[in-house]
Amino acid sequence: MNHHWTDPLGRTKTRRQMLKESSAGFGGLALSWMLGREALADKASSASPLAVREGHHTPRAKRVIFLFMHGGPSQVDTFDHKPLLDRDDGKKLPFPKPRIVSGATGNLLRSPWKFRPRGESGIPVSDLFPEVGGQVDDLCVINSIYGSNSRHGGALLELHTGSDTFVRPSMGSWICYGLGSENDDLPGFITICPTLGHGGVNAWSSSFLPAHYQGTPVGYTSVPADKAKIPYISNQHTPAGIQRIELDLLRDMNEKQLRHLGKDTDLESRIGSFELAYRMQTAAPEVQDISGESEATKKLYGLDKNNTKNFGRQCLMARRFAEAGVRFIQCTHSYKWDQHGNLRKDHARNAAEVDKPIAGLLQDLKQRGLLQDTLVVWGGEFGRTPTSQGSRDGRDHSPHGFSMWMAGGGVRGGLRFGKTDDYGYYAVENKVHFHDLHATILHLMGLDHKRLTYRYAGRDFRLTDIHGRVVNEIIS
């Protein structure tokens, strides 16, 4: 059967003629896609690599605050209520345990904490998180997260970089690479009191991306938050005018070397770091100084209590950095959530340290009009088993199905998405791998995870590697 079409000039064409004459257009479409894919890379290599850049589509969020609970909170004790686990406490798990486990576990262990429906949405949240439970209508609780590694180091890197095997750029670095920074006088990616274990600096590394996109640590795990400052931020010995002359000379020397070497992203980044450090002398102290915050605000974050003031200050600083235009901010509660034993005591202590600060952050962002374009992400590198460990007061690592939540930034509040099995061991419905989580975070930031690539060692790399899907069901 020979179909005919009429072209814009009124000429009759057969299907074969139409395909033959339009084939060049298919090549044009492919070329257009390839050029679009390379546009971000071209802009990123411009004179201002951290300049604000447009993403691939209209963003729902402008910035990310990641609240990382290092060690692995237990989903069946926090945000994934399992009535059958209560009923069958002490019984044998009625299906096989994973082939590879972190350690030996016993029979089923009910949660020591009650779950209650919270907010208008009625999402069940355990008594460990009464304050966060009060904000549940702004949360999208994902009960079906899963990863590939049951060891802290591999799982932590998979959550942060998409790979549990190789050194890869972190998601904060990818986001800064794609979008730049909204403040020329501050880093685009800041991590507050990060852990130095289980992957350490690789969790905020830019890896093979240009060093402009590396995370800047503010303090470390062992440093109290009120002592965590960007170091060497002021120079008491050299006036700013003299510093400027010295930096101009240094820049001239480096640029001369750059012209000799040709393309050298390490040297370009070093030049940029000197200039940024000079500008930060004015901007950073102001952001880090919380003396102007009201007593009500400090109390909202729990700065008036000994057990909440440390993480509370991290959360308050995250809000201040977000207001100042930092693109990606991470707060780390480290390394406390690894309860192979002492579950009742230590999970209760951990939750009490972060519950009020996190709820305060959500409320503060919301009342300032920042929550709508700030994506807040909460979670650990994996969850924990519903079976017991130790003397029935501990749980082992489990990457097979656990809970994380997001708020603001275009996600649907008051939503409980995905399911684990009846006991909370495996994700079984609407499963969300770390790759899917990353794809969704990038999408909300206006970036297509398949198009955000960087060519290195002869291959185009991306945060999601060759995997990942956007979880459109959780987007408002």
Protein backbone atom coordinates (compact mmCIF):
# COMPACT_ATOMS: atom_id res chain seq x y z
CA MET A 1 0.00 0.00 0.00
CA ASN A 2 1.59 3.28 -1.13
CA HIS A 3 0.67 6.30 1.01
CA HIS A 4 0.98 9.83 -0.34
CA TRP A 5 1.53 13.19 1.37
CA THR A 6 1.35 16.75 0.15
CA ASP A 7 4.33 18.96 1.06
CA PRO A 8 4.05 22.70 1.95
CA LEU A 9 4.52 23.59 -1.75
CA GLY A 10 1.56 21.47 -2.81
CA ARG A 11 3.62 18.66 -4.33
CA THR A 12 2.46 15.06 -3.87
CA LYS A 13 5.08 12.77 -2.31
CA THR A 14 5.16 9.04 -1.71
CA ARG A 15 6.14 7.73 1.73
CA ARG A 16 9.48 6.56 0.32
CA GLN A 17 10.22 10.01 -1.11
CA MET A 18 9.21 11.70 2.11
CA LEU A 19 11.51 9.50 4.23
CA LYS A 20 14.40 9.93 1.80
CA GLU A 21 14.14 13.72 1.71
CA SER A 22 13.62 14.14 5.46
CA SER A 23 16.38 11.78 6.60
CA ALA A 24 18.80 14.66 6.98
CA GLY A 25 16.42 16.14 9.52
CA PHE A 26 16.88 13.16 11.82
CA GLY A 27 20.60 13.88 11.84
CA GLY A 28 19.83 17.49 12.66
CA LEU A 29 17.73 16.44 15.64
CA ALA A 30 20.54 14.21 16.89
CA LEU A 31 23.06 17.03 16.45
CA SER A 32 20.79 19.42 18.34
CA TRP A 33 20.56 16.96 21.25
CA MET A 34 24.33 16.44 21.31
CA LEU A 35 25.01 20.16 21.28
CA GLY A 36 22.51 20.69 24.08
CA ARG A 37 24.17 17.97 26.09
CA GLU A 38 27.54 19.66 25.71
CA ALA A 39 26.23 23.14 26.52
CA LEU A 40 26.59 22.71 30.27
CA ALA A 41 30.13 21.43 29.91
CA ASP A 42 31.04 24.42 27.72
CA LYS A 43 29.60 26.85 30.26
CA ALA A 44 31.27 25.03 33.14
CA SER A 45 34.66 25.57 31.51
CA SER A 46 34.08 29.30 31.09
CA ALA A 47 35.95 32.02 33.00
CA SER A 48 33.43 31.74 35.86
CA PRO A 49 32.83 28.02 36.41
CA LEU A 50 30.53 28.67 39.38
CA ALA A 51 28.42 31.25 37.55
CA VAL A 52 24.68 30.53 37.67
CA ARG A 53 23.62 28.34 34.77
CA GLU A 54 20.22 27.25 33.52
CA GLY A 55 19.36 23.59 33.79
CA HIS A 56 17.60 21.42 31.25
CA HIS A 57 14.06 22.31 32.33
CA THR A 58 12.22 24.54 34.79
CA PRO A 59 13.41 23.65 38.31
CA ARG A 60 11.20 23.06 41.32
CA ALA A 61 14.07 23.58 43.77
CA LYS A 62 17.02 25.96 43.81
CA ARG A 63 19.05 24.30 46.54
CA VAL A 64 19.38 21.08 48.57
CA ILE A 65 19.83 20.56 52.31
CA PHE A 66 20.84 16.97 53.00
CA LEU A 67 20.46 15.78 56.61
CA PHE A 68 22.68 12.71 56.76
CA MET A 69 22.17 10.25 59.62
CA HIS A 70 25.46 8.36 59.52
CA GLY A 71 25.26 4.75 60.66
CA GLY A 72 21.85 3.70 59.41
CA PRO A 73 18.61 4.55 61.26
CA SER A 74 16.15 1.70 61.65
CA GLN A 75 13.16 2.12 59.37
CA VAL A 76 10.94 -0.18 61.46
CA ASP A 77 11.58 2.03 64.50
CA THR A 78 11.10 5.41 62.80
CA PHE A 79 8.95 5.81 59.66
CA ASP A 80 7.88 2.31 58.54
CA HIS A 81 5.23 0.88 60.86
CA LYS A 82 4.93 -2.91 60.77
CA PRO A 83 2.02 -4.27 62.88
CA LEU A 84 2.95 -7.87 62.00
CA LEU A 85 6.39 -7.30 63.44
CA ASP A 86 4.70 -6.45 66.74
CA ARG A 87 2.47 -9.50 66.49
CA ASP A 88 5.24 -11.97 65.59
CA ASP A 89 7.92 -10.68 67.94
CA GLY A 90 10.38 -13.47 68.78
CA LYS A 91 9.31 -15.71 65.91
CA LYS A 92 11.51 -16.84 63.05
CA LEU A 93 11.50 -14.71 59.89
CA PRO A 94 9.05 -16.58 57.60
CA PHE A 95 11.15 -16.10 54.44
CA PRO A 96 14.86 -16.38 53.63
CA LYS A 97 17.32 -13.79 54.83
CA PRO A 98 19.66 -12.25 52.25
CA ARG A 99 22.45 -14.48 50.95
CA ILE A 100 25.04 -11.89 51.96
CA VAL A 101 24.62 -10.30 55.38
CA SER A 102 26.72 -8.04 57.54
CA GLY A 103 26.42 -10.29 60.58
CA ALA A 104 24.31 -13.05 62.07
CA THR A 105 20.83 -12.13 63.29
CA GLY A 106 18.19 -13.93 65.30
CA ASN A 107 14.40 -13.87 65.24
CA LEU A 108 12.00 -10.98 64.65
CA LEU A 109 12.25 -8.02 67.01
CA ARG A 110 9.31 -5.68 67.51
CA SER A 111 9.91 -1.96 67.77
CA PRO A 112 10.23 -0.65 71.34
CA TRP A 113 8.40 2.51 70.24
CA LYS A 114 4.77 3.14 69.42
CA PHE A 115 3.73 4.48 66.05
CA ARG A 116 0.97 7.07 65.84
CA PRO A 117 -0.80 8.65 62.85
CA ARG A 118 0.38 12.21 62.52
CA GLY A 119 -0.98 15.30 60.84
CA GLU A 120 -3.94 15.49 58.48
CA SER A 121 -2.31 12.88 56.25
CA GLY A 122 -2.27 10.33 59.08
CA ILE A 123 1.17 9.00 58.19
CA PRO A 124 2.41 6.81 61.06
CA VAL A 125 5.58 8.08 62.74
CA SER A 126 7.16 6.50 65.79
CA ASP A 127 7.40 8.21 69.15
CA LEU A 128 11.12 8.64 68.45
CA PHE A 129 10.23 11.63 66.25
CA PRO A 130 7.32 13.56 67.80
CA GLU A 131 8.56 16.96 66.54
CA VAL A 132 9.28 15.81 62.97
CA GLY A 133 5.98 13.91 63.13
CA GLY A 134 4.30 17.26 63.67
CA GLN A 135 5.63 18.35 60.25
CA VAL A 136 4.62 15.14 58.47
CA ASP A 137 2.17 16.89 56.14
CA ASP A 138 5.20 18.53 54.51
CA LEU A 139 7.10 15.24 54.21
CA CYS A 140 7.19 12.71 51.41
CA VAL A 141 8.17 9.52 53.24
CA ILE A 142 9.70 6.94 50.90
CA ASN A 143 9.54 3.50 52.53
CA SER A 144 11.07 1.58 49.62
CA ILE A 145 14.64 2.89 49.29
CA TYR A 146 17.25 0.24 48.58
CA GLY A 147 20.94 0.09 47.78
CA SER A 148 23.58 -2.45 46.81
CA ASN A 149 25.98 -2.62 49.75
CA SER A 150 25.60 -3.69 53.37
CA ARG A 151 28.90 -2.20 54.54
CA HIS A 152 29.14 1.38 55.81
CA GLY A 153 31.92 2.52 53.47
CA GLY A 154 30.41 1.20 50.25
CA ALA A 155 26.84 2.17 51.16
CA LEU A 156 27.86 5.68 52.23
CA LEU A 157 29.67 6.26 48.94
CA GLU A 158 26.78 4.82 46.93
CA LEU A 159 24.37 7.23 48.62
CA HIS A 160 26.67 10.21 48.09
CA THR A 161 28.21 9.40 44.69
CA GLY A 162 26.15 6.68 43.02
CA SER A 163 28.97 4.12 43.19
CA ASP A 164 29.95 1.76 45.98
CA THR A 165 33.01 0.58 44.06
CA PHE A 166 34.80 3.48 42.39
CA VAL A 167 35.72 7.03 43.36
CA ARG A 168 33.13 9.22 41.68
CA PRO A 169 31.93 12.85 42.04
CA SER A 170 29.43 13.43 44.82
CA MET A 171 25.88 14.56 44.10
CA GLY A 172 26.65 18.00 45.55
CA SER A 173 29.49 18.36 43.06
CA TRP A 174 27.29 17.22 40.17
CA ILE A 175 24.63 19.77 41.09
CA CYS A 176 27.16 22.60 41.30
CA TYR A 177 28.66 21.48 37.99
CA GLY A 178 25.22 21.62 36.40
CA LEU A 179 23.88 24.81 37.96
CA GLY A 180 26.76 26.84 39.41
CA SER A 181 26.38 28.87 42.60
CA GLU A 182 24.06 31.76 43.43
CA ASN A 183 26.70 33.55 45.51
CA ASP A 184 30.09 34.46 44.04
CA ASP A 185 31.51 34.98 47.52
CA LEU A 186 30.78 31.54 48.99
CA PRO A 187 31.40 27.95 47.87
CA GLY A 188 28.56 26.32 45.98
CA PHE A 189 28.77 23.14 48.09
CA ILE A 190 29.28 23.15 51.86
CA THR A 191 29.30 20.15 54.19
CA ILE A 192 28.98 20.89 57.93
CA CYS A 193 30.79 18.60 60.40
CA PRO A 194 31.23 15.78 57.87
CA THR A 195 32.46 12.33 58.80
CA LEU A 196 36.07 11.40 58.08
CA GLY A 197 35.36 7.67 58.12
CA HIS A 198 33.65 5.26 55.74
CA GLY A 199 34.78 6.99 52.57
CA GLY A 200 35.77 10.25 54.19
CA VAL A 201 36.52 13.05 51.77
CA ASN A 202 35.29 10.98 48.83
CA ALA A 203 31.76 11.64 50.07
CA TRP A 204 32.10 15.31 49.14
CA SER A 205 34.78 15.00 46.48
CA SER A 206 34.48 16.35 42.94
CA SER A 207 36.65 13.40 41.78
CA PHE A 208 37.30 13.88 38.05
CA LEU A 209 35.03 16.92 37.81
CA PRO A 210 36.97 20.19 37.98
CA ALA A 211 37.95 21.02 41.56
CA HIS A 212 35.70 24.12 41.51
CA TYR A 213 32.83 21.78 42.42
CA GLN A 214 34.46 20.13 45.44
CA GLY A 215 32.58 20.34 48.72
CA THR A 216 34.00 22.71 51.34
CA PRO A 217 34.02 21.17 54.84
CA VAL A 218 33.08 23.36 57.78
CA GLY A 219 34.49 21.54 60.77
CA TYR A 220 34.53 17.75 61.09
CA THR A 221 32.78 15.06 63.11
CA SER A 222 34.93 15.56 66.19
CA VAL A 223 34.47 19.36 66.19
CA PRO A 224 31.46 20.81 68.06
CA ALA A 225 29.22 22.76 65.70
CA ASP A 226 29.82 26.04 67.52
CA LYS A 227 33.55 25.62 66.82
CA ALA A 228 33.04 24.56 63.21
CA LYS A 229 34.12 27.50 61.11
CA ILE A 230 35.60 27.97 57.68
CA PRO A 231 39.28 28.11 58.70
CA TYR A 232 41.70 30.97 58.10
CA ILE A 233 38.85 33.23 57.02
CA SER A 234 40.51 36.41 58.22
CA ASN A 235 44.03 37.77 57.87
CA GLN A 236 44.98 39.96 60.81
CA HIS A 237 48.45 40.68 59.47
CA THR A 238 47.97 41.81 55.86
CA PRO A 239 45.54 44.60 54.85
CA ALA A 240 43.05 43.77 52.10
CA GLY A 241 44.72 46.15 49.66
CA ILE A 242 48.09 44.42 50.02
CA GLN A 243 46.41 41.01 49.72
CA ARG A 244 44.84 42.15 46.47
CA ILE A 245 48.24 43.16 45.06
CA GLU A 246 49.74 39.81 46.11
CA LEU A 247 46.87 37.87 44.58
CA ASP A 248 47.07 39.82 41.32
CA LEU A 249 50.77 38.95 41.06
CA LEU A 250 50.07 35.30 41.85
CA ARG A 251 47.24 35.22 39.33
CA ASP A 252 49.47 36.69 36.60
CA MET A 253 52.11 34.04 37.27
CA ASN A 254 49.57 31.20 37.27
CA GLU A 255 47.86 32.43 34.12
CA LYS A 256 51.22 32.63 32.37
CA GLN A 257 51.82 29.01 33.35
CA LEU A 258 48.29 28.16 32.17
CA ARG A 259 48.94 29.65 28.76
CA HIS A 260 52.07 27.52 28.54
CA LEU A 261 50.33 24.31 29.64
CA GLY A 262 47.07 24.81 27.83
CA LYS A 263 43.93 23.33 29.41
CA ASP A 264 44.56 22.47 33.07
CA THR A 265 41.45 22.33 35.27
CA ASP A 266 43.53 21.78 38.43
CA LEU A 267 45.44 25.01 37.93
CA GLU A 268 42.30 26.87 36.86
CA SER A 269 40.58 25.67 40.04
CA ARG A 270 43.54 26.74 42.15
CA ILE A 271 43.38 30.24 40.68
CA GLY A 272 39.66 30.34 41.39
CA SER A 273 40.13 29.08 44.96
CA PHE A 274 42.52 31.92 45.77
CA GLU A 275 40.04 34.48 44.47
CA LEU A 276 37.12 32.88 46.30
CA ALA A 277 39.09 32.73 49.55
CA TYR A 278 39.80 36.47 49.23
CA ARG A 279 36.11 37.29 48.74
CA MET A 280 35.01 34.93 51.52
CA GLN A 281 36.81 37.08 54.09
CA THR A 282 33.88 39.46 53.85
CA ALA A 283 30.97 37.10 53.20
CA ALA A 284 31.66 34.02 55.35
CA PRO A 285 32.02 35.62 58.82
CA GLU A 286 28.66 37.34 58.39
CA VAL A 287 26.90 34.09 57.44
CA GLN A 288 28.55 32.14 60.25
CA ASP A 289 27.70 34.73 62.91
CA ILE A 290 24.35 33.78 64.45
CA SER A 291 24.38 36.49 67.12
CA GLY A 292 21.72 38.41 65.19
CA GLU A 293 19.25 35.53 65.31
CA SER A 294 16.38 36.01 67.74
CA GLU A 295 16.16 33.96 70.91
CA ALA A 296 12.91 32.49 69.59
CA THR A 297 14.70 31.25 66.48
CA LYS A 298 17.55 29.75 68.49
CA LYS A 299 15.03 28.01 70.71
CA LEU A 300 13.16 26.75 67.65
CA TYR A 301 16.30 24.88 66.61
CA GLY A 302 16.99 23.62 70.14
CA LEU A 303 20.06 25.75 70.81
CA ASP A 304 18.83 26.21 74.38
CA LYS A 305 19.20 22.50 75.22
CA ASN A 306 22.46 20.62 75.68
CA ASN A 307 21.39 17.54 73.73
CA THR A 308 20.00 19.44 70.72
CA LYS A 309 22.26 22.48 70.45
CA ASN A 310 24.97 20.78 68.40
CA PHE A 311 22.83 19.48 65.54
CA GLY A 312 20.53 22.47 66.01
CA ARG A 313 23.38 24.80 65.16
CA GLN A 314 24.16 22.73 62.07
CA CYS A 315 20.57 23.06 60.91
CA LEU A 316 20.50 26.80 61.61
CA MET A 317 23.74 27.25 59.68
CA ALA A 318 22.22 25.24 56.82
CA ARG A 319 19.32 27.70 56.65
CA ARG A 320 21.73 30.65 56.70
CA PHE A 321 23.90 29.17 53.95
CA ALA A 322 20.75 28.41 51.94
CA GLU A 323 19.59 32.01 52.30
CA ALA A 324 23.02 33.18 51.17
CA GLY A 325 22.79 31.23 47.92
CA VAL A 326 24.81 28.08 48.61
CA ARG A 327 23.54 25.41 46.23
CA PHE A 328 24.10 22.22 48.27
CA ILE A 329 24.44 22.04 52.07
CA GLN A 330 24.93 18.87 54.08
CA CYS A 331 24.54 18.41 57.84
CA THR A 332 25.90 15.16 59.29
CA HIS A 333 24.82 13.50 62.52
CA SER A 334 27.78 11.21 62.84
CA TYR A 335 28.59 8.38 63.57
CA LYS A 336 25.79 7.38 65.92
CA TRP A 337 23.07 5.32 64.28
CA ASP A 338 24.82 1.94 64.07
CA GLN A 339 22.95 0.07 66.80
CA HIS A 340 24.00 -3.59 66.66
CA GLY A 341 23.25 -3.39 70.37
CA ASN A 342 21.80 -0.85 72.82
CA LEU A 343 19.04 -0.04 70.34
CA ARG A 344 16.56 1.23 72.92
CA LYS A 345 18.99 3.59 74.62
CA ASP A 346 21.03 4.82 71.65
CA HIS A 347 18.33 5.21 69.02
CA ALA A 348 16.31 7.18 71.59
CA ARG A 349 19.33 9.40 72.33
CA ASN A 350 20.09 9.93 68.64
CA ALA A 351 16.54 10.84 67.72
CA ALA A 352 16.29 13.23 70.67
CA GLU A 353 19.41 15.06 69.42
CA VAL A 354 18.02 15.69 65.92
CA ASP A 355 14.21 15.66 66.20
CA LYS A 356 13.66 19.24 67.37
CA PRO A 357 16.43 20.77 65.19
CA ILE A 358 15.05 19.14 62.05
CA ALA A 359 11.48 20.18 62.84
CA GLY A 360 12.75 23.68 63.58
CA LEU A 361 14.55 23.81 60.22
CA LEU A 362 11.39 22.79 58.36
CA GLN A 363 9.28 25.35 60.21
CA ASP A 364 11.84 28.12 59.75
CA LEU A 365 12.25 27.45 56.02
CA LYS A 366 8.49 27.40 55.61
CA GLN A 367 7.78 30.64 57.46
CA ARG A 368 10.53 32.39 55.48
CA GLY A 369 9.12 31.18 52.16
CA LEU A 370 12.22 29.08 51.49
CA LEU A 371 10.79 25.58 51.78
CA GLN A 372 8.98 25.79 48.45
CA ASP A 373 12.28 25.99 46.55
CA THR A 374 14.56 24.21 49.03
CA LEU A 375 14.69 20.42 48.83
CA VAL A 376 15.33 18.87 52.25
CA VAL A 377 16.47 15.23 52.22
CA TRP A 378 16.78 13.02 55.34
CA GLY A 379 18.27 9.55 55.66
CA GLY A 380 21.22 7.24 56.26
CA GLU A 381 23.34 4.95 54.11
CA PHE A 382 21.04 1.98 54.76
CA GLY A 383 18.38 0.75 57.17
CA ARG A 384 18.37 -2.07 59.68
CA THR A 385 17.02 -5.59 59.92
CA PRO A 386 13.67 -6.38 61.53
CA THR A 387 15.46 -9.35 63.07
CA SER A 388 17.42 -9.01 66.30
CA GLN A 389 21.12 -8.91 66.96
CA GLY A 390 22.94 -9.26 70.24
CA SER A 391 20.77 -9.81 73.29
CA ARG A 392 17.58 -8.79 71.45
CA ASP A 393 18.50 -5.12 71.70
CA GLY A 394 20.12 -4.48 68.34
CA ARG A 395 19.65 -4.72 64.59
CA ASP A 396 22.08 -5.42 61.76
CA HIS A 397 22.65 -3.39 58.58
CA SER A 398 20.09 -3.79 55.80
CA PRO A 399 20.29 -2.08 52.38
CA HIS A 400 17.35 -4.07 51.00
CA GLY A 401 14.48 -1.81 52.01
CA PHE A 402 14.46 1.26 54.25
CA SER A 403 13.07 4.76 54.66
CA MET A 404 14.17 8.23 53.67
CA TRP A 405 12.08 11.36 53.37
CA MET A 406 12.11 14.58 51.38
CA ALA A 407 10.32 17.87 51.95
CA GLY A 408 9.80 21.07 49.98
CA GLY A 409 11.34 21.67 46.57
CA GLY A 410 8.46 20.29 44.51
CA VAL A 411 7.75 17.00 46.30
CA ARG A 412 4.28 15.99 47.45
CA GLY A 413 3.87 16.58 51.17
CA GLY A 414 1.82 14.22 53.30
CA LEU A 415 2.64 11.27 51.04
CA ARG A 416 3.80 7.81 52.04
CA PHE A 417 5.35 6.19 48.98
CA GLY A 418 6.53 2.63 48.39
CA LYS A 419 6.36 -0.39 50.66
CA THR A 420 8.54 -3.00 52.27
CA ASP A 421 7.29 -6.51 53.05
CA ASP A 422 5.13 -7.22 56.11
CA TYR A 423 8.16 -7.15 58.40
CA GLY A 424 10.18 -4.35 56.80
CA TYR A 425 13.09 -6.36 55.36
CA TYR A 426 12.82 -5.96 51.57
CA ALA A 427 11.41 -3.18 49.39
CA VAL A 428 8.58 -4.81 47.44
CA GLU A 429 6.39 -2.05 45.96
CA ASN A 430 7.42 1.11 44.06
CA LYS A 431 11.06 0.36 44.80
CA VAL A 432 13.42 3.36 44.74
CA HIS A 433 17.10 2.62 44.26
CA PHE A 434 19.74 5.23 45.13
CA HIS A 435 20.06 5.84 41.37
CA ASP A 436 16.34 6.67 41.24
CA LEU A 437 16.70 8.96 44.24
CA HIS A 438 19.56 10.80 42.54
CA ALA A 439 17.67 11.06 39.25
CA THR A 440 14.70 12.56 41.11
CA ILE A 441 16.81 15.06 43.08
CA LEU A 442 18.47 16.23 39.85
CA HIS A 443 15.08 16.48 38.13
CA LEU A 444 13.69 18.66 40.91
CA MET A 445 16.76 20.89 40.51
CA GLY A 446 16.02 21.28 36.80
CA LEU A 447 18.60 18.75 35.57
CA ASP A 448 18.10 15.70 33.38
CA HIS A 449 20.22 12.93 34.90
CA LYS A 450 20.78 11.39 31.45
CA ARG A 451 22.06 14.65 29.98
CA LEU A 452 24.17 15.85 32.90
CA THR A 453 27.40 14.19 31.77
CA TYR A 454 31.14 14.78 31.96
CA ARG A 455 33.62 13.20 29.59
CA TYR A 456 36.53 11.56 31.37
CA ALA A 457 38.95 8.83 30.27
CA GLY A 458 37.11 8.41 26.99
CA ARG A 459 33.66 7.92 28.50
CA ASP A 460 30.68 10.13 29.35
CA PHE A 461 30.00 9.75 33.07
CA ARG A 462 26.92 10.77 35.02
CA LEU A 463 25.75 10.58 38.63
CA THR A 464 23.32 7.74 37.85
CA ASP A 465 25.80 5.85 35.63
CA ILE A 466 23.57 3.90 33.18
CA HIS A 467 20.67 3.56 35.60
CA GLY A 468 18.00 5.61 37.33
CA ARG A 469 14.46 6.80 36.76
CA VAL A 470 12.72 9.93 37.96
CA VAL A 471 10.09 9.02 40.56
CA ASN A 472 7.38 11.23 39.09
CA GLU A 473 4.78 9.85 41.50
CA ILE A 474 6.23 11.88 44.39
CA ILE A 475 6.46 15.19 42.50
CA SER A 476 3.68 17.70 43.12
